[in-house]
């Protein structure tokens, strides 16, 4: 049974990839094209065998990136062979693909970052919930963006640090506890429908992010309509 929604928004929770920065899917599709693989061939490898494939275990922090790359390349080879009856191109590198997720090809969605900061200064709580991984190839404790926005974020939940990944409901509930809010006091933004399904079931308002300007406008409208009268909005 879905939790009823109340008309008093006290916080906003943001995803990272596809919301605050460009979606990893964009980089996967670019790499598929460079390798002359059919669209979706590598994307399927990320979800095939879920929730116990290499990618899910990576995001839960059960393995680190170096081990993941070995296992993921083997999974991709098996999948490409079974589905397309061909070998994975020899130049394929999981490490190279993941470097693109966080390297200079990554675009920061500045319009969304600006709104995040203004939400914090307006008096609402701000959270970040991201499925991510521990990089033992190019070690960096946090994505540079997380460090940049940390003064404006009340709670950051990283799947690899807590051992839970979206769409498991426990990671959403953990974020709410860290923010001191109930799920029905929160707006949740993500670029994947399966992650928003859990948010909806918990009673959160949800925004599917496919177009950044449209999502920014929708979030502003939601907050202007539903923010408590006791909160001064400066969005």
Protein backbone atom coordinates (compact mmCIF):
# COMPACT_ATOMS: atom_id res chain seq x y z
CA UNK A 1 0.00 0.00 0.00
CA UNK A 2 1.36 3.41 -0.95
CA UNK A 3 1.84 5.99 1.81
CA UNK A 4 -0.45 9.04 1.47
CA UNK A 5 1.28 12.28 0.47
CA UNK A 6 0.97 15.41 2.60
CA UNK A 7 1.17 18.98 1.37
CA UNK A 8 4.24 19.97 3.33
CA UNK A 9 7.55 19.52 1.54
CA UNK A 10 10.53 19.92 3.85
CA UNK A 11 13.34 18.47 1.76
CA UNK A 12 14.61 17.43 -1.65
CA UNK A 13 16.77 14.41 -2.45
CA UNK A 14 18.85 14.40 -5.64
CA UNK A 15 20.41 11.56 -7.59
CA UNK A 16 23.86 12.34 -9.07
CA UNK A 17 24.33 10.65 -12.46
CA UNK A 18 21.64 11.87 -14.86
CA UNK A 19 20.53 14.64 -12.48
CA UNK A 20 23.48 16.64 -11.13
CA UNK A 21 25.86 15.39 -13.82
CA UNK A 22 25.39 13.79 -17.23
CA UNK A 23 23.97 10.30 -17.29
CA UNK A 24 26.37 7.34 -17.48
CA UNK A 25 24.04 5.95 -20.15
CA UNK A 26 25.28 8.66 -22.53
CA UNK A 27 28.88 7.49 -22.10
CA UNK A 28 27.90 3.83 -22.46
CA UNK A 29 26.14 4.57 -25.74
CA UNK A 30 29.12 6.56 -27.02
CA UNK A 31 31.44 3.66 -26.22
CA UNK A 32 29.10 1.18 -27.91
CA UNK A 33 29.23 3.31 -31.05
CA UNK A 34 33.03 3.55 -30.98
CA UNK A 35 33.26 -0.25 -30.67
CA UNK A 36 30.67 -0.79 -33.44
CA UNK A 37 28.38 -2.61 -31.04
CA UNK A 38 24.59 -2.46 -31.38
CA UNK A 39 22.93 0.18 -29.24
CA UNK A 40 22.08 -1.30 -25.86
CA UNK A 41 24.58 -4.16 -26.01
CA UNK A 42 26.70 -2.86 -23.13
CA UNK A 43 23.76 -1.27 -21.32
CA UNK A 44 22.21 -4.73 -21.02
CA UNK A 45 25.36 -6.02 -19.32
CA UNK A 46 24.81 -3.61 -16.43
CA UNK A 47 21.39 -5.06 -15.60
CA UNK A 48 21.73 -8.67 -16.79
CA UNK A 49 21.99 -10.95 -13.76
CA UNK A 50 20.84 -8.25 -11.32
CA UNK A 51 20.94 -8.07 -8.30
CA UNK A 52 24.02 -10.29 -8.04
CA UNK A 53 26.01 -9.35 -11.13
CA UNK A 54 29.36 -7.58 -10.90
CA UNK A 55 27.85 -4.11 -11.27
CA UNK A 56 25.34 -4.53 -8.44
CA UNK A 57 28.03 -5.91 -6.15
CA UNK A 58 30.31 -3.01 -7.09
CA UNK A 59 27.65 -0.46 -6.17
CA UNK A 60 27.01 -2.21 -2.85
CA UNK A 61 30.71 -1.97 -2.05
CA UNK A 62 31.17 -5.74 -2.03
CA UNK A 63 33.95 -5.46 -4.62
CA UNK A 64 36.09 -2.55 -5.79
CA UNK A 65 36.56 -1.24 -9.31
CA UNK A 66 39.68 -3.24 -10.21
CA UNK A 67 38.04 -6.58 -9.43
CA UNK A 68 34.80 -5.40 -11.01
CA UNK A 69 36.55 -4.65 -14.31
CA UNK A 70 37.81 -8.22 -14.59
CA UNK A 71 34.42 -9.72 -13.77
CA UNK A 72 32.44 -7.25 -15.88
CA UNK A 73 34.59 -7.82 -18.97
CA UNK A 74 33.98 -11.57 -18.62
CA UNK A 75 30.24 -10.97 -18.20
CA UNK A 76 30.18 -8.71 -21.27
CA UNK A 77 32.07 -11.26 -23.35
CA UNK A 78 29.63 -14.00 -22.37
CA UNK A 79 26.60 -11.80 -23.03
CA UNK A 80 27.80 -10.50 -26.41
CA UNK A 81 28.67 -14.03 -27.49
CA UNK A 82 25.33 -15.49 -26.44
CA UNK A 83 23.16 -12.63 -27.72
CA UNK A 84 25.04 -11.48 -30.82
CA UNK A 85 27.16 -14.55 -31.63
CA UNK A 86 30.31 -12.45 -31.82
CA UNK A 87 33.31 -11.69 -29.65
CA UNK A 88 33.66 -8.55 -27.60
CA UNK A 89 36.10 -6.20 -29.39
CA UNK A 90 39.63 -6.64 -28.09
CA UNK A 91 39.97 -2.93 -27.35
CA UNK A 92 37.04 -2.97 -24.92
CA UNK A 93 38.11 -1.86 -21.46
CA UNK A 94 35.78 -1.60 -18.48
CA UNK A 95 38.31 0.70 -16.80
CA UNK A 96 38.18 3.07 -19.78
CA UNK A 97 34.39 3.06 -19.75
CA UNK A 98 34.28 3.93 -16.06
CA UNK A 99 36.93 6.61 -16.49
CA UNK A 100 34.48 8.36 -18.79
CA UNK A 101 31.82 8.34 -16.07
CA UNK A 102 33.91 10.65 -13.89
CA UNK A 103 36.47 12.15 -16.29
CA UNK A 104 36.47 15.30 -18.39
CA UNK A 105 33.67 13.95 -20.59
CA UNK A 106 31.30 14.30 -17.65
CA UNK A 107 29.06 17.36 -17.87
CA UNK A 108 27.95 19.08 -14.68
CA UNK A 109 24.33 20.21 -14.91
CA UNK A 110 24.93 23.72 -13.60
CA UNK A 111 21.26 24.72 -13.70
CA UNK A 112 20.40 21.85 -11.34
CA UNK A 113 23.37 22.62 -9.08
CA UNK A 114 22.26 26.24 -8.83
CA UNK A 115 18.76 25.14 -7.84
CA UNK A 116 20.12 22.70 -5.25
CA UNK A 117 22.05 25.51 -3.59
CA UNK A 118 19.06 27.85 -3.62
CA UNK A 119 16.88 25.14 -2.07
CA UNK A 120 19.32 24.85 0.82
CA UNK A 121 19.47 28.61 1.38
CA UNK A 122 15.65 28.76 1.31
CA UNK A 123 15.56 26.66 4.48
CA UNK A 124 14.70 23.22 3.12
CA UNK A 125 16.77 20.09 3.75
CA UNK A 126 18.87 18.76 0.88
CA UNK A 127 19.98 15.16 0.42
CA UNK A 128 21.94 13.22 -2.18
CA UNK A 129 21.47 9.50 -2.78
CA UNK A 130 23.76 7.94 -5.34
CA UNK A 131 24.64 4.46 -6.51
CA UNK A 132 28.42 4.64 -6.81
CA UNK A 133 31.58 2.59 -6.29
CA UNK A 134 35.00 2.48 -4.67
CA UNK A 135 37.65 3.31 -7.27
CA UNK A 136 40.91 1.55 -6.43
CA UNK A 137 42.33 2.25 -9.90
CA UNK A 138 42.29 6.04 -9.62
CA UNK A 139 41.56 6.47 -5.91
CA UNK A 140 39.52 9.49 -4.90
CA UNK A 141 37.36 9.29 -1.76
CA UNK A 142 34.55 11.30 -3.34
CA UNK A 143 33.49 12.61 -6.73
CA UNK A 144 34.74 16.23 -7.01
CA UNK A 145 31.15 17.39 -7.38
CA UNK A 146 30.21 15.89 -4.00
CA UNK A 147 32.95 17.95 -2.39
CA UNK A 148 31.77 21.09 -4.18
CA UNK A 149 28.17 20.81 -3.04
CA UNK A 150 28.86 19.41 0.44
CA UNK A 151 28.27 22.78 2.20
CA UNK A 152 24.75 22.77 0.73
CA UNK A 153 23.89 19.12 1.46
CA UNK A 154 22.58 17.86 4.79
CA UNK A 155 22.99 14.14 4.03
CA UNK A 156 24.93 12.26 1.35
CA UNK A 157 24.22 8.55 1.00
CA UNK A 158 26.64 6.59 -1.20
CA UNK A 159 25.59 3.04 -1.98
CA UNK A 160 29.13 1.67 -1.83
CA UNK A 161 29.58 3.08 1.69
CA UNK A 162 26.31 1.81 3.17
CA UNK A 163 26.02 -1.54 1.34
CA UNK A 164 22.59 -0.74 -0.14
CA UNK A 165 21.76 0.48 -3.63
CA UNK A 166 18.72 1.96 -5.29
CA UNK A 167 16.02 0.79 -5.79
CA UNK A 168 16.22 -0.95 -2.38
CA UNK A 169 13.80 0.94 -0.15
CA UNK A 170 16.24 0.90 2.77
CA UNK A 171 18.56 3.41 1.11
CA UNK A 172 15.67 5.88 0.74
CA UNK A 173 14.63 5.37 4.34
CA UNK A 174 18.23 5.84 5.48
CA UNK A 175 18.38 9.17 3.64
CA UNK A 176 15.15 10.29 5.27
CA UNK A 177 16.45 9.37 8.73
CA UNK A 178 19.66 11.29 8.09
CA UNK A 179 17.60 14.32 7.06
CA UNK A 180 15.20 13.93 9.98
CA UNK A 181 12.24 13.82 7.60
CA UNK A 182 9.41 11.47 6.73
CA UNK A 183 9.26 10.11 3.15
CA UNK A 184 6.07 12.06 2.46
CA UNK A 185 7.89 15.31 3.27
CA UNK A 186 10.42 14.77 0.48
CA UNK A 187 10.71 15.32 -3.27
CA UNK A 188 13.01 12.79 -4.96
CA UNK A 189 14.70 13.31 -8.35
CA UNK A 190 16.17 10.48 -10.43
CA UNK A 191 16.66 9.69 -14.10
CA UNK A 192 15.57 6.04 -13.78
CA UNK A 193 11.95 5.03 -13.48
CA UNK A 194 12.71 1.91 -11.43
CA UNK A 195 14.31 4.10 -8.75
CA UNK A 196 11.32 6.43 -8.69
CA UNK A 197 8.91 3.51 -8.30
CA UNK A 198 10.30 2.82 -4.83
CA UNK A 199 10.16 6.52 -3.96
CA UNK A 200 6.50 6.65 -4.95
CA UNK A 201 5.66 3.54 -2.91
CA UNK A 202 7.21 5.20 0.15
CA UNK A 203 5.10 8.32 -0.35
CA UNK A 204 7.71 10.67 -1.79
CA UNK A 205 6.89 13.10 -4.53
CA UNK A 206 9.00 12.15 -7.51
CA UNK A 207 10.41 13.83 -10.59
CA UNK A 208 11.73 11.80 -13.52
CA UNK A 209 14.70 13.67 -14.96
CA UNK A 210 15.09 13.28 -18.70
CA UNK A 211 15.48 16.93 -19.66
CA UNK A 212 17.31 19.19 -17.20
CA UNK A 213 15.48 22.50 -17.88
CA UNK A 214 12.12 20.73 -17.73
CA UNK A 215 13.01 18.98 -14.47
CA UNK A 216 14.26 22.23 -12.93
CA UNK A 217 10.99 23.94 -13.87
CA UNK A 218 8.94 21.04 -12.48
CA UNK A 219 10.84 21.06 -9.18
CA UNK A 220 10.44 24.82 -8.80
CA UNK A 221 6.72 24.53 -9.46
CA UNK A 222 6.34 21.66 -7.00
CA UNK A 223 8.13 23.55 -4.24
CA UNK A 224 6.31 26.80 -4.89
CA UNK A 225 2.97 24.98 -4.72
CA UNK A 226 3.66 22.71 -1.77
CA UNK A 227 6.29 24.32 0.46
CA UNK A 228 5.06 25.06 3.96
CA UNK A 229 3.75 28.60 4.50
CA UNK A 230 6.28 28.88 7.30
CA UNK A 231 9.17 28.55 4.85
CA UNK A 232 10.29 31.56 2.85
CA UNK A 233 10.93 30.43 -0.72
CA UNK A 234 13.72 32.15 -2.68
CA UNK A 235 13.78 29.76 -5.61
